[in-house]
Structures are given as structure tokens and as C-alpha cells.
Amino acid sequence: MQEQGREFSVVATTLFLNRWWNLPRFFSLVGGVRRQLKETPGLVRYQLKANFLKLQFSTLSIWESGNAIDDFAHKGPHLTALQAFPTLAKKGSAFVRWTTTSPDAVTWKEAFQRLQKPAERN
């Protein structure tokens, strides 16, 4: 049951790989991040979406708090993935972060709309 008025942190990312041969490295990094997610407190939901033809990979995660996502993002396999980002990604990659009181209502459609304007983070 959801607490009335409670805010959840939402993060959406999209990454365009710059080369096909970066796929094995990318999937290795994703595997580490997924293992880290399973062990991280505060995660409500995580999804990964792939468009292989465009080499586009997107994530959508919902967290109990901003602190929970910050703790996750700056250590372990996720930090390693962030450090590899400049060598793997090309133009168009982005992330956005916002809050919601209704995590069940967060959709991919909303995430992709927000990713179109990443500078307008909410």
C-alpha cells in the first residue's frame, strides 16, 4: 500500500552506443549494475528497454528516496559504468530525474518525453 503524499524519485536514462563492438562491454557493465540493483535498498522498480537497430538502451528506475538513488549511483558497478560512459556513448544520450507521488503511474511514454528535454529536469 502506498503512503499518501509520499514522494518517490524517478530516473530515466537513454544511452546510444557509438559502435556495435561495444555491445559485449556494455552487456558486461549492465550485468554488474543489475546485480548491484538486487542488493541495493530503496529500489521500487527497474526496467531496461533496448532498440538494437539504433543501439539505444534506456532505463527507468523508481526509488524510495533521492538518497537511495544517490547511494546506488556513486559506487560499485554503477560507478564503473558511469566512468565507461564517455567511451561507449554518442550524442543523444541523456538522463532525467523527477519525483512522483504515484510510482505505479510512471510510464515509458512519460520517461521518453522527459528525455527529449533533459535540461528541464523536474
N, C-alpha and C. Protein backbone atom coordinates (compact mmCIF):
# COMPACT_ATOMS: atom_id res chain seq x y z
N MET A 1 0.84 -1.19 0.00
CA MET A 1 0.00 0.00 0.00
C MET A 1 0.88 1.25 0.00
N GLN A 2 0.56 2.19 -0.80
CA GLN A 2 1.29 3.44 -0.96
C GLN A 2 0.89 4.44 0.13
N GLU A 3 1.89 5.11 0.70
CA GLU A 3 1.62 6.14 1.69
C GLU A 3 1.12 7.40 1.00
N GLN A 4 0.09 7.99 1.54
CA GLN A 4 -0.50 9.22 0.98
C GLN A 4 0.54 10.35 0.98
N GLY A 5 0.77 10.97 -0.19
CA GLY A 5 1.65 12.13 -0.28
C GLY A 5 3.13 11.83 -0.27
N ARG A 6 3.52 10.59 -0.17
CA ARG A 6 4.93 10.23 -0.16
C ARG A 6 5.54 10.45 -1.54
N GLU A 7 6.74 11.01 -1.59
CA GLU A 7 7.41 11.24 -2.87
C GLU A 7 8.45 10.15 -3.15
N PHE A 8 8.49 9.73 -4.40
CA PHE A 8 9.44 8.76 -4.88
C PHE A 8 10.31 9.44 -5.93
N SER A 9 11.56 9.03 -6.01
CA SER A 9 12.47 9.56 -7.03
C SER A 9 12.45 8.65 -8.25
N VAL A 10 12.39 9.27 -9.42
CA VAL A 10 12.37 8.53 -10.68
C VAL A 10 13.58 8.97 -11.51
N VAL A 11 14.25 8.01 -12.12
CA VAL A 11 15.37 8.31 -13.00
C VAL A 11 15.16 7.56 -14.31
N ALA A 12 15.29 8.29 -15.41
CA ALA A 12 15.23 7.68 -16.74
C ALA A 12 16.52 8.03 -17.47
N THR A 13 17.06 7.04 -18.17
CA THR A 13 18.28 7.27 -18.95
C THR A 13 18.10 6.70 -20.34
N THR A 14 18.83 7.26 -21.26
CA THR A 14 18.93 6.64 -22.58
C THR A 14 20.37 6.78 -23.05
N LEU A 15 20.89 5.70 -23.56
CA LEU A 15 22.28 5.64 -23.99
C LEU A 15 22.31 5.10 -25.42
N PHE A 16 22.97 5.84 -26.28
CA PHE A 16 23.21 5.38 -27.65
C PHE A 16 24.65 4.93 -27.72
N LEU A 17 24.86 3.64 -27.95
CA LEU A 17 26.24 3.15 -28.10
C LEU A 17 26.83 3.70 -29.39
N ASN A 18 28.12 4.00 -29.35
CA ASN A 18 28.75 4.59 -30.52
C ASN A 18 29.25 3.55 -31.53
N ARG A 19 29.32 2.28 -31.13
CA ARG A 19 29.81 1.25 -32.04
C ARG A 19 29.21 -0.11 -31.66
N TRP A 20 28.96 -0.93 -32.67
CA TRP A 20 28.43 -2.27 -32.42
C TRP A 20 29.36 -3.10 -31.55
N TRP A 21 30.65 -2.96 -31.74
CA TRP A 21 31.58 -3.80 -30.98
C TRP A 21 31.67 -3.40 -29.51
N ASN A 22 30.95 -2.35 -29.12
CA ASN A 22 30.87 -2.02 -27.69
C ASN A 22 29.77 -2.82 -26.97
N LEU A 23 28.98 -3.58 -27.72
CA LEU A 23 27.90 -4.36 -27.09
C LEU A 23 28.40 -5.32 -26.00
N PRO A 24 29.44 -6.13 -26.22
CA PRO A 24 29.87 -7.03 -25.15
C PRO A 24 30.28 -6.28 -23.87
N ARG A 25 31.01 -5.20 -24.02
CA ARG A 25 31.41 -4.40 -22.85
C ARG A 25 30.18 -3.82 -22.16
N PHE A 26 29.25 -3.30 -22.95
CA PHE A 26 28.03 -2.73 -22.40
C PHE A 26 27.25 -3.78 -21.61
N PHE A 27 27.06 -4.97 -22.19
CA PHE A 27 26.29 -6.01 -21.50
C PHE A 27 27.00 -6.50 -20.24
N SER A 28 28.31 -6.51 -20.27
CA SER A 28 29.06 -6.85 -19.06
C SER A 28 28.79 -5.83 -17.95
N LEU A 29 28.82 -4.55 -18.32
CA LEU A 29 28.53 -3.49 -17.34
C LEU A 29 27.09 -3.59 -16.83
N VAL A 30 26.15 -3.85 -17.73
CA VAL A 30 24.74 -3.97 -17.34
C VAL A 30 24.55 -5.13 -16.35
N GLY A 31 25.24 -6.22 -16.59
CA GLY A 31 25.15 -7.37 -15.67
C GLY A 31 25.58 -6.99 -14.26
N GLY A 32 26.68 -6.25 -14.16
CA GLY A 32 27.15 -5.80 -12.85
C GLY A 32 26.17 -4.86 -12.18
N VAL A 33 25.61 -3.96 -12.97
CA VAL A 33 24.64 -2.99 -12.41
C VAL A 33 23.38 -3.72 -11.95
N ARG A 34 22.93 -4.70 -12.70
CA ARG A 34 21.72 -5.45 -12.30
C ARG A 34 21.96 -6.21 -11.00
N ARG A 35 23.14 -6.80 -10.84
CA ARG A 35 23.46 -7.47 -9.57
C ARG A 35 23.46 -6.46 -8.43
N GLN A 36 24.03 -5.28 -8.67
CA GLN A 36 24.05 -4.24 -7.66
C GLN A 36 22.63 -3.80 -7.29
N LEU A 37 21.76 -3.67 -8.29
CA LEU A 37 20.37 -3.28 -8.05
C LEU A 37 19.67 -4.25 -7.10
N LYS A 38 19.91 -5.54 -7.29
CA LYS A 38 19.27 -6.56 -6.45
C LYS A 38 19.67 -6.44 -4.98
N GLU A 39 20.85 -5.88 -4.74
CA GLU A 39 21.37 -5.77 -3.37
C GLU A 39 21.18 -4.39 -2.76
N THR A 40 20.62 -3.45 -3.52
CA THR A 40 20.54 -2.07 -3.07
C THR A 40 19.18 -1.79 -2.42
N PRO A 41 19.19 -1.32 -1.18
CA PRO A 41 17.92 -0.95 -0.55
C PRO A 41 17.34 0.31 -1.19
N GLY A 42 16.02 0.38 -1.21
CA GLY A 42 15.35 1.58 -1.68
C GLY A 42 14.85 1.51 -3.11
N LEU A 43 15.19 0.47 -3.85
CA LEU A 43 14.71 0.34 -5.22
C LEU A 43 13.26 -0.14 -5.21
N VAL A 44 12.40 0.57 -5.91
CA VAL A 44 10.99 0.19 -6.04
C VAL A 44 10.80 -0.62 -7.32
N ARG A 45 11.35 -0.12 -8.43
CA ARG A 45 11.17 -0.78 -9.73
C ARG A 45 12.30 -0.38 -10.68
N TYR A 46 12.71 -1.33 -11.53
CA TYR A 46 13.74 -1.06 -12.53
C TYR A 46 13.35 -1.77 -13.83
N GLN A 47 13.53 -1.07 -14.95
CA GLN A 47 13.28 -1.66 -16.26
C GLN A 47 14.36 -1.21 -17.23
N LEU A 48 14.69 -2.10 -18.15
CA LEU A 48 15.63 -1.81 -19.23
C LEU A 48 14.92 -2.07 -20.55
N LYS A 49 15.05 -1.14 -21.46
CA LYS A 49 14.44 -1.27 -22.78
C LYS A 49 15.54 -1.11 -23.82
N ALA A 50 15.51 -1.95 -24.86
CA ALA A 50 16.56 -1.92 -25.88
C ALA A 50 15.97 -1.76 -27.28
N ASN A 51 16.64 -0.94 -28.07
CA ASN A 51 16.37 -0.84 -29.51
C ASN A 51 17.71 -1.15 -30.19
N PHE A 52 17.89 -2.42 -30.54
CA PHE A 52 19.17 -2.86 -31.06
C PHE A 52 19.54 -2.21 -32.39
N LEU A 53 18.58 -1.94 -33.23
CA LEU A 53 18.89 -1.32 -34.53
C LEU A 53 19.49 0.06 -34.37
N LYS A 54 19.04 0.80 -33.36
CA LYS A 54 19.58 2.13 -33.11
C LYS A 54 20.71 2.12 -32.08
N LEU A 55 21.01 0.94 -31.55
CA LEU A 55 21.97 0.82 -30.46
C LEU A 55 21.58 1.73 -29.29
N GLN A 56 20.28 1.77 -29.00
CA GLN A 56 19.74 2.61 -27.94
C GLN A 56 19.26 1.73 -26.78
N PHE A 57 19.72 2.08 -25.59
CA PHE A 57 19.35 1.34 -24.39
C PHE A 57 18.86 2.35 -23.35
N SER A 58 17.69 2.09 -22.79
CA SER A 58 17.08 3.03 -21.86
C SER A 58 16.74 2.33 -20.56
N THR A 59 16.83 3.07 -19.48
CA THR A 59 16.46 2.53 -18.17
C THR A 59 15.42 3.44 -17.54
N LEU A 60 14.62 2.84 -16.70
CA LEU A 60 13.63 3.56 -15.92
C LEU A 60 13.66 2.95 -14.53
N SER A 61 13.97 3.75 -13.53
CA SER A 61 14.01 3.23 -12.17
C SER A 61 13.27 4.17 -11.23
N ILE A 62 12.64 3.57 -10.24
CA ILE A 62 11.90 4.32 -9.23
C ILE A 62 12.47 3.93 -7.89
N TRP A 63 12.71 4.94 -7.06
CA TRP A 63 13.39 4.77 -5.79
C TRP A 63 12.57 5.36 -4.65
N GLU A 64 12.75 4.80 -3.47
CA GLU A 64 12.04 5.29 -2.29
C GLU A 64 12.44 6.71 -1.92
N SER A 65 13.65 7.11 -2.32
CA SER A 65 14.12 8.46 -1.99
C SER A 65 15.26 8.86 -2.92
N GLY A 66 15.54 10.15 -2.93
CA GLY A 66 16.69 10.65 -3.68
C GLY A 66 17.99 10.12 -3.10
N ASN A 67 18.04 9.96 -1.78
CA ASN A 67 19.25 9.43 -1.15
C ASN A 67 19.53 8.00 -1.61
N ALA A 68 18.48 7.21 -1.79
CA ALA A 68 18.66 5.82 -2.22
C ALA A 68 19.31 5.76 -3.61
N ILE A 69 18.83 6.58 -4.54
CA ILE A 69 19.43 6.58 -5.88
C ILE A 69 20.85 7.13 -5.83
N ASP A 70 21.08 8.16 -5.03
CA ASP A 70 22.43 8.72 -4.93
C ASP A 70 23.41 7.70 -4.37
N ASP A 71 22.99 6.95 -3.34
CA ASP A 71 23.85 5.92 -2.76
C ASP A 71 24.19 4.85 -3.79
N PHE A 72 23.20 4.45 -4.59
CA PHE A 72 23.40 3.45 -5.61
C PHE A 72 24.32 3.95 -6.73
N ALA A 73 24.08 5.16 -7.19
CA ALA A 73 24.72 5.66 -8.41
C ALA A 73 26.21 5.91 -8.27
N HIS A 74 26.68 6.17 -7.08
CA HIS A 74 28.06 6.62 -6.92
C HIS A 74 28.98 5.59 -6.28
N LYS A 75 28.65 4.30 -6.50
CA LYS A 75 29.56 3.26 -6.00
C LYS A 75 29.37 1.97 -6.80
N GLY A 76 30.31 1.07 -6.65
CA GLY A 76 30.21 -0.26 -7.24
C GLY A 76 30.13 -0.27 -8.75
N PRO A 77 29.44 -1.28 -9.28
CA PRO A 77 29.34 -1.45 -10.73
C PRO A 77 28.72 -0.25 -11.45
N HIS A 78 27.77 0.44 -10.80
CA HIS A 78 27.18 1.59 -11.48
C HIS A 78 28.21 2.69 -11.68
N LEU A 79 29.05 2.93 -10.69
CA LEU A 79 30.11 3.92 -10.83
C LEU A 79 31.06 3.53 -11.96
N THR A 80 31.40 2.24 -12.04
CA THR A 80 32.25 1.75 -13.13
C THR A 80 31.59 2.02 -14.48
N ALA A 81 30.28 1.78 -14.57
CA ALA A 81 29.55 2.04 -15.82
C ALA A 81 29.57 3.53 -16.16
N LEU A 82 29.38 4.39 -15.16
CA LEU A 82 29.43 5.84 -15.40
C LEU A 82 30.80 6.26 -15.94
N GLN A 83 31.84 5.66 -15.40
CA GLN A 83 33.20 6.01 -15.84
C GLN A 83 33.45 5.53 -17.27
N ALA A 84 32.79 4.45 -17.70
CA ALA A 84 32.95 3.93 -19.05
C ALA A 84 32.09 4.68 -20.07
N PHE A 85 31.11 5.40 -19.59
CA PHE A 85 30.14 6.09 -20.44
C PHE A 85 30.78 6.92 -21.56
N PRO A 86 31.78 7.75 -21.30
CA PRO A 86 32.34 8.58 -22.37
C PRO A 86 32.92 7.77 -23.55
N THR A 87 33.39 6.57 -23.29
CA THR A 87 33.97 5.76 -24.37
C THR A 87 32.92 4.92 -25.10
N LEU A 88 31.74 4.76 -24.50
CA LEU A 88 30.69 3.92 -25.08
C LEU A 88 29.59 4.70 -25.77
N ALA A 89 29.32 5.90 -25.29
CA ALA A 89 28.13 6.64 -25.71
C ALA A 89 28.41 7.65 -26.80
N LYS A 90 27.35 7.95 -27.55
CA LYS A 90 27.45 9.01 -28.54
C LYS A 90 26.36 10.05 -28.25
N LYS A 91 26.34 11.09 -29.07
CA LYS A 91 25.39 12.18 -28.91
C LYS A 91 23.96 11.65 -28.86
N GLY A 92 23.15 12.28 -28.02
CA GLY A 92 21.77 11.87 -27.85
C GLY A 92 21.53 11.13 -26.55
N SER A 93 22.59 10.68 -25.91
CA SER A 93 22.46 10.02 -24.62
C SER A 93 22.08 11.07 -23.58
N ALA A 94 21.23 10.68 -22.63
CA ALA A 94 20.74 11.65 -21.65
C ALA A 94 20.18 10.94 -20.42
N PHE A 95 19.99 11.72 -19.37
CA PHE A 95 19.25 11.22 -18.21
C PHE A 95 18.42 12.34 -17.63
N VAL A 96 17.34 11.95 -16.98
CA VAL A 96 16.47 12.90 -16.29
C VAL A 96 16.06 12.30 -14.95
N ARG A 97 15.73 13.19 -14.06
CA ARG A 97 15.32 12.77 -12.71
C ARG A 97 14.16 13.65 -12.29
N TRP A 98 13.15 13.03 -11.68
CA TRP A 98 12.00 13.78 -11.17
C TRP A 98 11.39 13.03 -10.00
N THR A 99 10.40 13.62 -9.37
CA THR A 99 9.72 12.95 -8.26
C THR A 99 8.25 12.73 -8.63
N THR A 100 7.67 11.75 -7.96
CA THR A 100 6.26 11.43 -8.16
C THR A 100 5.67 10.93 -6.84
N THR A 101 4.39 11.12 -6.68
CA THR A 101 3.69 10.54 -5.53
C THR A 101 2.96 9.28 -5.96
N SER A 102 3.05 8.93 -7.24
CA SER A 102 2.35 7.76 -7.77
C SER A 102 3.28 6.92 -8.64
N PRO A 103 4.15 6.12 -8.02
CA PRO A 103 5.13 5.36 -8.81
C PRO A 103 4.50 4.37 -9.79
N ASP A 104 3.31 3.87 -9.50
CA ASP A 104 2.66 2.94 -10.41
C ASP A 104 2.21 3.61 -11.70
N ALA A 105 2.10 4.93 -11.67
CA ALA A 105 1.63 5.66 -12.85
C ALA A 105 2.76 6.10 -13.78
N VAL A 106 4.01 5.89 -13.38
CA VAL A 106 5.15 6.28 -14.22
C VAL A 106 5.25 5.32 -15.40
N THR A 107 5.32 5.88 -16.61
CA THR A 107 5.34 5.07 -17.83
C THR A 107 6.58 5.37 -18.66
N TRP A 108 6.85 4.45 -19.60
CA TRP A 108 7.92 4.69 -20.57
C TRP A 108 7.60 5.91 -21.41
N LYS A 109 6.35 6.10 -21.76
CA LYS A 109 5.97 7.26 -22.58
C LYS A 109 6.39 8.55 -21.88
N GLU A 110 6.07 8.67 -20.60
CA GLU A 110 6.47 9.86 -19.85
C GLU A 110 7.99 9.99 -19.79
N ALA A 111 8.66 8.88 -19.54
CA ALA A 111 10.13 8.91 -19.46
C ALA A 111 10.74 9.40 -20.76
N PHE A 112 10.29 8.87 -21.90
CA PHE A 112 10.85 9.29 -23.19
C PHE A 112 10.52 10.75 -23.50
N GLN A 113 9.35 11.22 -23.08
CA GLN A 113 9.03 12.63 -23.28
C GLN A 113 9.99 13.51 -22.47
N ARG A 114 10.25 13.12 -21.25
CA ARG A 114 11.17 13.89 -20.41
C ARG A 114 12.60 13.83 -20.95
N LEU A 115 12.99 12.69 -21.49
CA LEU A 115 14.34 12.54 -22.05
C LEU A 115 14.55 13.40 -23.30
N GLN A 116 13.48 13.81 -23.94
CA GLN A 116 13.60 14.70 -25.09
C GLN A 116 14.09 16.09 -24.67
N LYS A 117 13.87 16.44 -23.41
CA LYS A 117 14.26 17.76 -22.89
C LYS A 117 14.98 17.57 -21.55
N PRO A 118 16.17 16.93 -21.56
CA PRO A 118 16.84 16.61 -20.30
C PRO A 118 17.24 17.82 -19.48
N ALA A 119 17.40 18.99 -20.08
CA ALA A 119 17.79 20.17 -19.31
C ALA A 119 16.65 20.68 -18.45
N GLU A 120 15.42 20.25 -18.75
CA GLU A 120 14.26 20.70 -17.99
C GLU A 120 13.90 19.66 -16.94
N ARG A 121 14.87 19.28 -16.13
CA ARG A 121 14.64 18.28 -15.09
C ARG A 121 13.65 18.79 -14.07
N ASN A 122 12.78 17.88 -13.64
CA ASN A 122 11.78 18.22 -12.62
C ASN A 122 12.07 17.47 -11.34
